[in-house]
């Protein structure tokens, strides 16, 4: 199964929570700290469950999420 990794540009985030609501695997949550806009940005709660589907990046209106996907190869 593919594994994903995301990077969040926290200071671009306006805290709408769309990425959290639409993550099909429930990997995201609000971070306990505030960004420079004064809102709680998302963070990856369960990185092992992330498949790199990029739903979070696609739904983000602030273009604050970049997704990296690694597909395991068989040798």
N, C-alpha and C. Protein backbone atom coordinates (compact mmCIF):
# COMPACT_ATOMS: atom_id res chain seq x y z
N UNK A 1 0.84 -1.18 0.00
CA UNK A 1 0.00 0.00 0.00
C UNK A 1 0.89 1.24 0.00
N UNK A 2 0.43 2.27 -0.64
CA UNK A 2 1.17 3.52 -0.71
C UNK A 2 1.19 4.20 0.65
N UNK A 3 2.27 4.90 0.90
CA UNK A 3 2.41 5.68 2.12
C UNK A 3 2.52 7.14 1.71
N UNK A 4 1.95 8.00 2.53
CA UNK A 4 2.00 9.41 2.23
C UNK A 4 2.67 10.21 3.31
N UNK A 5 3.09 11.39 2.92
CA UNK A 5 3.67 12.35 3.85
C UNK A 5 3.19 13.71 3.40
N UNK A 6 2.78 14.53 4.34
CA UNK A 6 2.32 15.86 3.97
C UNK A 6 3.15 16.93 4.66
N UNK A 7 3.25 18.07 3.99
CA UNK A 7 3.87 19.25 4.59
C UNK A 7 2.81 20.33 4.60
N UNK A 8 2.67 20.99 5.72
CA UNK A 8 1.67 22.04 5.88
C UNK A 8 2.38 23.37 6.11
N UNK A 9 2.08 24.34 5.26
CA UNK A 9 2.59 25.69 5.45
C UNK A 9 1.62 26.37 6.42
N UNK A 10 1.91 26.22 7.69
CA UNK A 10 0.99 26.62 8.75
C UNK A 10 0.54 28.08 8.66
N UNK A 11 1.43 28.97 8.30
CA UNK A 11 1.06 30.39 8.28
C UNK A 11 0.18 30.78 7.10
N UNK A 12 0.02 29.90 6.12
CA UNK A 12 -0.92 30.15 5.02
C UNK A 12 -2.33 29.71 5.40
N UNK A 13 -2.46 28.86 6.39
CA UNK A 13 -3.74 28.26 6.79
C UNK A 13 -4.64 29.27 7.50
N UNK A 14 -5.93 29.27 7.13
CA UNK A 14 -6.90 30.13 7.81
C UNK A 14 -7.78 29.35 8.78
N UNK A 15 -7.47 28.07 8.98
CA UNK A 15 -8.16 27.27 9.99
C UNK A 15 -9.57 26.83 9.63
N UNK A 16 -9.86 26.68 8.34
CA UNK A 16 -11.23 26.32 7.93
C UNK A 16 -11.59 24.88 8.29
N UNK A 17 -10.58 24.00 8.39
CA UNK A 17 -10.83 22.61 8.76
C UNK A 17 -11.31 21.70 7.65
N UNK A 18 -11.36 22.19 6.42
CA UNK A 18 -11.82 21.34 5.32
C UNK A 18 -10.93 20.11 5.14
N UNK A 19 -9.63 20.29 5.28
CA UNK A 19 -8.71 19.15 5.13
C UNK A 19 -9.01 18.08 6.18
N UNK A 20 -9.32 18.50 7.38
CA UNK A 20 -9.63 17.57 8.47
C UNK A 20 -10.94 16.84 8.19
N UNK A 21 -11.95 17.59 7.75
CA UNK A 21 -13.27 17.00 7.48
C UNK A 21 -13.24 16.00 6.33
N UNK A 22 -12.43 16.28 5.30
CA UNK A 22 -12.47 15.46 4.10
C UNK A 22 -11.39 14.39 4.02
N UNK A 23 -10.51 14.30 4.99
CA UNK A 23 -9.49 13.24 4.98
C UNK A 23 -10.20 11.90 5.12
N UNK A 24 -10.12 11.04 4.10
CA UNK A 24 -10.85 9.77 4.15
C UNK A 24 -10.35 8.80 5.21
N UNK A 25 -9.13 9.00 5.69
CA UNK A 25 -8.56 8.10 6.69
C UNK A 25 -8.53 8.71 8.09
N UNK A 26 -9.00 9.95 8.22
CA UNK A 26 -9.02 10.60 9.54
C UNK A 26 -7.65 10.86 10.12
N UNK A 27 -6.70 11.21 9.27
CA UNK A 27 -5.31 11.39 9.69
C UNK A 27 -4.99 12.75 10.28
N UNK A 28 -5.86 13.73 10.06
CA UNK A 28 -5.56 15.11 10.45
C UNK A 28 -6.37 15.56 11.66
N UNK A 29 -5.82 16.52 12.37
CA UNK A 29 -6.50 17.16 13.49
C UNK A 29 -5.97 18.59 13.60
N UNK A 30 -6.64 19.43 14.39
CA UNK A 30 -6.14 20.77 14.63
C UNK A 30 -4.97 20.70 15.60
N UNK A 31 -3.92 21.45 15.32
CA UNK A 31 -2.77 21.53 16.21
C UNK A 31 -3.15 22.37 17.43
N UNK A 32 -2.50 22.15 18.57
CA UNK A 32 -2.84 22.91 19.77
C UNK A 32 -2.30 24.35 19.76
N UNK A 33 -1.40 24.67 18.85
CA UNK A 33 -0.82 26.02 18.79
C UNK A 33 -1.48 26.86 17.70
N UNK A 34 -1.26 28.15 17.77
CA UNK A 34 -1.81 29.09 16.80
C UNK A 34 -0.74 29.49 15.78
N UNK A 35 -1.19 29.76 14.55
CA UNK A 35 -0.26 30.27 13.55
C UNK A 35 -0.27 31.79 13.58
N UNK A 36 0.40 32.43 12.62
CA UNK A 36 0.48 33.91 12.65
C UNK A 36 -0.86 34.57 12.38
N UNK A 37 -1.82 33.83 11.85
CA UNK A 37 -3.18 34.36 11.64
C UNK A 37 -4.05 34.23 12.89
N UNK A 38 -3.52 33.54 13.89
CA UNK A 38 -4.26 33.36 15.14
C UNK A 38 -5.24 32.21 15.12
N UNK A 39 -5.02 31.24 14.23
CA UNK A 39 -5.89 30.06 14.16
C UNK A 39 -5.07 28.79 14.34
N UNK A 40 -5.73 27.73 14.71
CA UNK A 40 -5.07 26.44 14.85
C UNK A 40 -4.96 25.78 13.48
N UNK A 41 -3.74 25.57 12.99
CA UNK A 41 -3.57 24.88 11.71
C UNK A 41 -3.74 23.37 11.89
N UNK A 42 -3.89 22.65 10.81
CA UNK A 42 -3.98 21.19 10.94
C UNK A 42 -2.60 20.58 11.17
N UNK A 43 -2.61 19.37 11.67
CA UNK A 43 -1.38 18.58 11.77
C UNK A 43 -1.74 17.13 11.49
N UNK A 44 -0.72 16.37 11.15
CA UNK A 44 -0.92 14.96 10.86
C UNK A 44 -0.95 14.20 12.18
N UNK A 45 -2.13 13.71 12.54
CA UNK A 45 -2.34 13.01 13.81
C UNK A 45 -1.84 11.58 13.74
N UNK A 46 -2.14 10.90 12.65
CA UNK A 46 -1.76 9.50 12.49
C UNK A 46 -1.03 9.31 11.17
N UNK A 47 0.26 9.65 11.13
CA UNK A 47 1.01 9.60 9.87
C UNK A 47 1.06 8.21 9.25
N UNK A 48 0.99 7.18 10.06
CA UNK A 48 1.05 5.82 9.52
C UNK A 48 -0.18 5.45 8.70
N UNK A 49 -1.28 6.16 8.89
CA UNK A 49 -2.51 5.88 8.14
C UNK A 49 -2.59 6.65 6.82
N UNK A 50 -1.73 7.64 6.63
CA UNK A 50 -1.78 8.47 5.43
C UNK A 50 -1.32 7.68 4.21
N UNK A 51 -2.14 7.69 3.16
CA UNK A 51 -1.81 7.00 1.92
C UNK A 51 -1.34 7.95 0.83
N UNK A 52 -1.35 9.24 1.11
CA UNK A 52 -0.94 10.21 0.10
C UNK A 52 -1.98 10.45 -0.96
N UNK A 53 -3.24 10.31 -0.61
CA UNK A 53 -4.33 10.45 -1.59
C UNK A 53 -4.47 11.87 -2.11
N UNK A 54 -3.97 12.85 -1.37
CA UNK A 54 -3.97 14.27 -1.73
C UNK A 54 -5.33 14.94 -1.64
N UNK A 55 -6.30 14.32 -0.99
CA UNK A 55 -7.60 14.96 -0.80
C UNK A 55 -7.44 16.24 0.01
N UNK A 56 -6.61 16.22 1.02
CA UNK A 56 -6.40 17.40 1.85
C UNK A 56 -5.84 18.56 1.04
N UNK A 57 -4.87 18.28 0.19
CA UNK A 57 -4.26 19.33 -0.63
C UNK A 57 -5.23 19.85 -1.68
N UNK A 58 -6.04 18.97 -2.22
CA UNK A 58 -7.00 19.36 -3.25
C UNK A 58 -8.08 20.26 -2.69
N UNK A 59 -8.55 19.96 -1.48
CA UNK A 59 -9.66 20.71 -0.88
C UNK A 59 -9.20 22.01 -0.21
N UNK A 60 -7.91 22.15 0.06
CA UNK A 60 -7.40 23.32 0.78
C UNK A 60 -7.52 24.59 -0.05
N UNK A 61 -8.34 25.56 0.38
CA UNK A 61 -8.50 26.80 -0.38
C UNK A 61 -7.28 27.72 -0.29
N UNK A 62 -6.39 27.46 0.65
CA UNK A 62 -5.21 28.30 0.84
C UNK A 62 -3.95 27.73 0.21
N UNK A 63 -4.06 26.58 -0.43
CA UNK A 63 -2.93 25.88 -1.04
C UNK A 63 -1.79 25.78 -0.03
N UNK A 64 -2.13 25.33 1.16
CA UNK A 64 -1.17 25.26 2.25
C UNK A 64 -0.62 23.85 2.49
N UNK A 65 -1.08 22.86 1.70
CA UNK A 65 -0.68 21.48 1.93
C UNK A 65 -0.03 20.90 0.68
N UNK A 66 1.13 20.28 0.88
CA UNK A 66 1.82 19.56 -0.18
C UNK A 66 1.87 18.11 0.23
N UNK A 67 1.55 17.22 -0.71
CA UNK A 67 1.51 15.78 -0.42
C UNK A 67 2.61 15.07 -1.19
N UNK A 68 3.29 14.18 -0.50
CA UNK A 68 4.30 13.33 -1.12
C UNK A 68 3.83 11.90 -0.95
N UNK A 69 3.92 11.13 -2.02
CA UNK A 69 3.44 9.76 -1.99
C UNK A 69 4.57 8.81 -2.38
N UNK A 70 4.74 7.77 -1.59
CA UNK A 70 5.76 6.77 -1.85
C UNK A 70 5.07 5.43 -2.06
N UNK A 71 5.32 4.82 -3.19
CA UNK A 71 4.74 3.52 -3.47
C UNK A 71 5.84 2.48 -3.33
N UNK A 72 5.59 1.49 -2.50
CA UNK A 72 6.59 0.44 -2.28
C UNK A 72 6.74 -0.39 -3.54
N UNK A 73 8.00 -0.70 -3.87
CA UNK A 73 8.27 -1.53 -5.04
C UNK A 73 8.73 -2.90 -4.58
N UNK A 74 8.34 -3.89 -5.33
CA UNK A 74 8.77 -5.25 -5.01
C UNK A 74 10.04 -5.57 -5.75
N UNK A 75 10.94 -6.26 -5.08
CA UNK A 75 12.20 -6.63 -5.74
C UNK A 75 12.31 -8.11 -5.87
